[in-house]
Protein backbone atom coordinates (compact mmCIF):
# COMPACT_ATOMS: atom_id res chain seq x y z
CA UNK A 1 0.00 0.00 0.00
CA UNK A 2 2.77 2.46 0.93
CA UNK A 3 4.62 1.79 -2.35
CA UNK A 4 1.43 2.45 -4.30
CA UNK A 5 0.91 5.74 -2.43
CA UNK A 6 4.50 6.83 -3.07
CA UNK A 7 4.19 5.87 -6.73
CA UNK A 8 1.00 7.94 -7.04
CA UNK A 9 2.65 10.92 -5.35
CA UNK A 10 5.69 10.77 -7.64
CA UNK A 11 3.45 10.34 -10.68
CA UNK A 12 1.39 13.35 -9.62
CA UNK A 13 4.47 15.44 -8.98
CA UNK A 14 5.88 14.54 -12.37
CA UNK A 15 2.61 14.86 -14.23
CA UNK A 16 1.35 18.18 -12.96
CA UNK A 17 4.04 20.68 -11.94
CA UNK A 18 5.96 20.72 -15.24
CA UNK A 19 3.17 21.73 -17.60
CA UNK A 20 1.54 24.00 -15.07
CA UNK A 21 4.77 25.70 -13.99
CA UNK A 22 5.63 26.26 -17.63
CA UNK A 23 2.61 28.57 -17.86
CA UNK A 24 4.46 31.51 -16.34
CA UNK A 25 2.13 33.51 -14.12
CA UNK A 26 -0.09 30.60 -13.20
CA UNK A 27 -1.24 30.88 -9.55
CA UNK A 28 0.36 27.53 -8.69
CA UNK A 29 3.73 28.73 -9.95
CA UNK A 30 3.37 31.90 -7.89
CA UNK A 31 2.46 29.85 -4.83
CA UNK A 32 5.46 27.61 -5.17
CA UNK A 33 7.86 30.42 -5.93
CA UNK A 34 6.60 32.90 -3.36
CA UNK A 35 9.11 33.10 -0.60
CA UNK A 36 10.71 29.83 -1.50
CA UNK A 37 13.57 30.65 -3.80
CA UNK A 38 15.22 28.00 -5.91
CA UNK A 39 16.25 25.63 -3.14
CA UNK A 40 13.52 26.55 -0.68
CA UNK A 41 10.84 25.22 -2.97
CA UNK A 42 12.39 21.79 -2.84
CA UNK A 43 13.08 21.95 0.89
CA UNK A 44 9.50 22.23 2.08
CA UNK A 45 6.26 21.13 0.46
CA UNK A 46 3.68 23.84 0.03
CA UNK A 47 0.12 23.22 1.22
CA UNK A 48 -0.96 23.27 -2.44
CA UNK A 49 1.49 20.48 -3.28
CA UNK A 50 0.02 18.38 -0.48
CA UNK A 51 -3.53 19.23 -1.57
CA UNK A 52 -2.81 18.14 -5.15
CA UNK A 53 -1.98 14.72 -3.70
CA UNK A 54 -5.08 14.44 -1.51
CA UNK A 55 -6.34 11.24 -3.13
CA UNK A 56 -2.95 9.50 -3.05
CA UNK A 57 -2.45 10.54 0.56
CA UNK A 58 -6.03 9.64 1.53
CA UNK A 59 -6.54 13.02 3.20
CA UNK A 60 -9.63 13.37 5.34
CA UNK A 61 -12.18 16.11 4.74
CA UNK A 62 -10.94 17.85 7.88
CA UNK A 63 -7.32 17.73 6.68
CA UNK A 64 -8.32 19.13 3.30
CA UNK A 65 -10.27 22.00 4.89
CA UNK A 66 -7.39 22.89 7.20
CA UNK A 67 -4.83 22.66 4.38
CA UNK A 68 -7.04 24.89 2.22
CA UNK A 69 -7.16 27.44 5.06
CA UNK A 70 -3.35 27.44 5.30
CA UNK A 71 -3.14 27.73 1.52
CA UNK A 72 -5.47 30.74 1.61
CA UNK A 73 -3.21 32.40 4.19
CA UNK A 74 -0.20 31.66 1.99
CA UNK A 75 -1.92 33.20 -1.04
CA UNK A 76 -2.87 36.33 0.91
CA UNK A 77 0.65 36.69 2.29
CA UNK A 78 2.04 36.20 -1.22
CA UNK A 79 -0.05 39.07 -2.55
CA UNK A 80 1.15 41.35 0.24
CA UNK A 81 4.76 40.27 -0.21
CA UNK A 82 4.68 40.69 -3.96
CA UNK A 83 3.19 44.15 -3.56
CA UNK A 84 6.22 45.07 -1.44
CA UNK A 85 8.79 43.32 -3.64
CA UNK A 86 7.77 44.70 -7.05
CA UNK A 87 8.72 48.31 -6.25
CA UNK A 88 12.07 47.12 -4.89
CA UNK A 89 12.81 45.36 -8.15
CA UNK A 90 12.09 48.62 -9.94
CA UNK A 91 14.40 50.52 -7.55
CA UNK A 92 17.18 48.02 -8.23
CA UNK A 93 16.82 48.45 -12.00
CA UNK A 94 16.47 52.22 -11.84
CA UNK A 95 19.59 52.58 -9.69
CA UNK A 96 21.68 51.14 -12.52
CA UNK A 97 20.08 53.13 -15.35
CA UNK A 98 21.81 56.02 -16.98
CA UNK A 99 25.43 56.95 -17.48
CA UNK A 100 26.21 57.13 -13.76
CA UNK A 101 24.62 54.28 -11.80
CA UNK A 102 23.77 54.97 -8.16
CA UNK A 103 25.49 52.03 -6.49
CA UNK A 104 24.51 53.19 -3.03
CA UNK A 105 20.81 53.12 -3.95
CA UNK A 106 21.38 49.83 -5.76
CA UNK A 107 22.93 48.24 -2.67
CA UNK A 108 20.22 49.58 -0.36
CA UNK A 109 17.42 48.27 -2.59
CA UNK A 110 19.14 44.88 -2.96
CA UNK A 111 19.52 44.53 0.79
CA UNK A 112 15.87 45.40 1.37
CA UNK A 113 14.86 42.97 -1.38
CA UNK A 114 16.99 40.25 0.21
CA UNK A 115 15.35 40.87 3.60
CA UNK A 116 11.91 40.48 2.01
CA UNK A 117 12.96 37.23 0.36
CA UNK A 118 14.28 35.86 3.65
CA UNK A 119 11.00 36.75 5.36
CA UNK A 120 9.05 35.11 2.54
CA UNK A 121 11.17 31.95 2.79
CA UNK A 122 10.65 31.72 6.54
CA UNK A 123 6.91 32.28 6.12
CA UNK A 124 6.66 29.49 3.56
CA UNK A 125 8.70 27.15 5.75
CA UNK A 126 6.35 27.85 8.65
CA UNK A 127 3.27 27.27 6.48
CA UNK A 128 4.81 24.02 5.25
CA UNK A 129 5.46 22.89 8.80
CA UNK A 130 1.89 23.70 9.81
CA UNK A 131 0.63 21.74 6.81
CA UNK A 132 2.83 18.75 7.60
CA UNK A 133 1.64 18.75 11.22
CA UNK A 134 -1.90 18.09 9.96
CA UNK A 135 -0.81 14.82 8.36
CA UNK A 136 -0.47 11.40 9.90
CA UNK A 137 2.99 9.95 10.34
CA UNK A 138 2.56 7.79 7.22
CA UNK A 139 1.27 10.71 5.14
CA UNK A 140 4.21 12.90 6.24
CA UNK A 141 6.62 10.11 5.41
CA UNK A 142 5.12 9.74 1.92
CA UNK A 143 5.26 13.49 1.27
CA UNK A 144 8.88 13.71 2.44
CA UNK A 145 9.81 10.69 0.33
CA UNK A 146 8.20 12.27 -2.72
CA UNK A 147 10.06 15.54 -2.05
CA UNK A 148 13.35 13.66 -1.71
CA UNK A 149 12.72 11.91 -5.04
CA UNK A 150 11.97 15.26 -6.69
CA UNK A 151 15.20 16.78 -5.32
CA UNK A 152 17.23 13.81 -6.51
CA UNK A 153 15.63 13.90 -9.93
CA UNK A 154 16.24 17.62 -10.28
CA UNK A 155 19.84 17.33 -9.09
CA UNK A 156 20.57 14.61 -11.65
CA UNK A 157 18.88 16.54 -14.46
CA UNK A 158 15.99 14.11 -14.78
CA UNK A 159 13.38 16.87 -14.38
CA UNK A 160 14.30 19.59 -16.84
CA UNK A 161 11.15 20.88 -18.45
CA UNK A 162 9.70 18.11 -20.58
CA UNK A 163 13.02 16.32 -20.91
CA UNK A 164 13.81 13.48 -18.59
CA UNK A 165 16.47 10.80 -18.37
CA UNK A 166 19.07 12.28 -20.66
CA UNK A 167 16.80 13.85 -23.23
CA UNK A 168 13.92 11.42 -23.49
CA UNK A 169 10.59 13.18 -23.53
CA UNK A 170 8.31 12.29 -20.66
CA UNK A 171 5.03 10.76 -21.87
CA UNK A 172 3.22 12.19 -18.83
CA UNK A 173 4.15 15.68 -20.00
CA UNK A 174 2.75 15.18 -23.48
CA UNK A 175 5.96 13.88 -25.05
CA UNK A 176 6.37 10.74 -27.15
CA UNK A 177 8.57 8.90 -24.68
CA UNK A 178 11.79 7.29 -25.69
CA UNK A 179 14.55 8.86 -27.70
CA UNK A 180 13.99 10.49 -31.04
């Protein structure tokens, strides 16, 4: 049973994030990027990642409702954070415009931007921890195992867009499968 659950989680992770994340400003992509950074996203599962696996994890109605509440908080925090971060990105770019860049303003804006990103990372890690605490020991174990598999696959280059395993297209992502 546990192997089947893990297989379903990995299949779901492989089947859904790639095509959806490739859509740019899709809300899921924003959720997974908000406050997580490149490594942070792989370090802690977002409530939405867990919710997408609700069938495989056999989540109860109560767990789903509580995870959805955490996800709503994450989305609201993301909107607030992004509203604060966007102007800082503009300040960073504007400081370098022109013939004489203002490196002092550039450094100040970068430091403020970095502080916001750290706060966003910590917020996402806390939301992830709260989400994981709602799960049973077996469910947590399955989620962590799936996350570990994703990290390993990304670190070995197996999950690069629609290419997997050295260039073969992944059939789950709409590819032909096999090598061309």
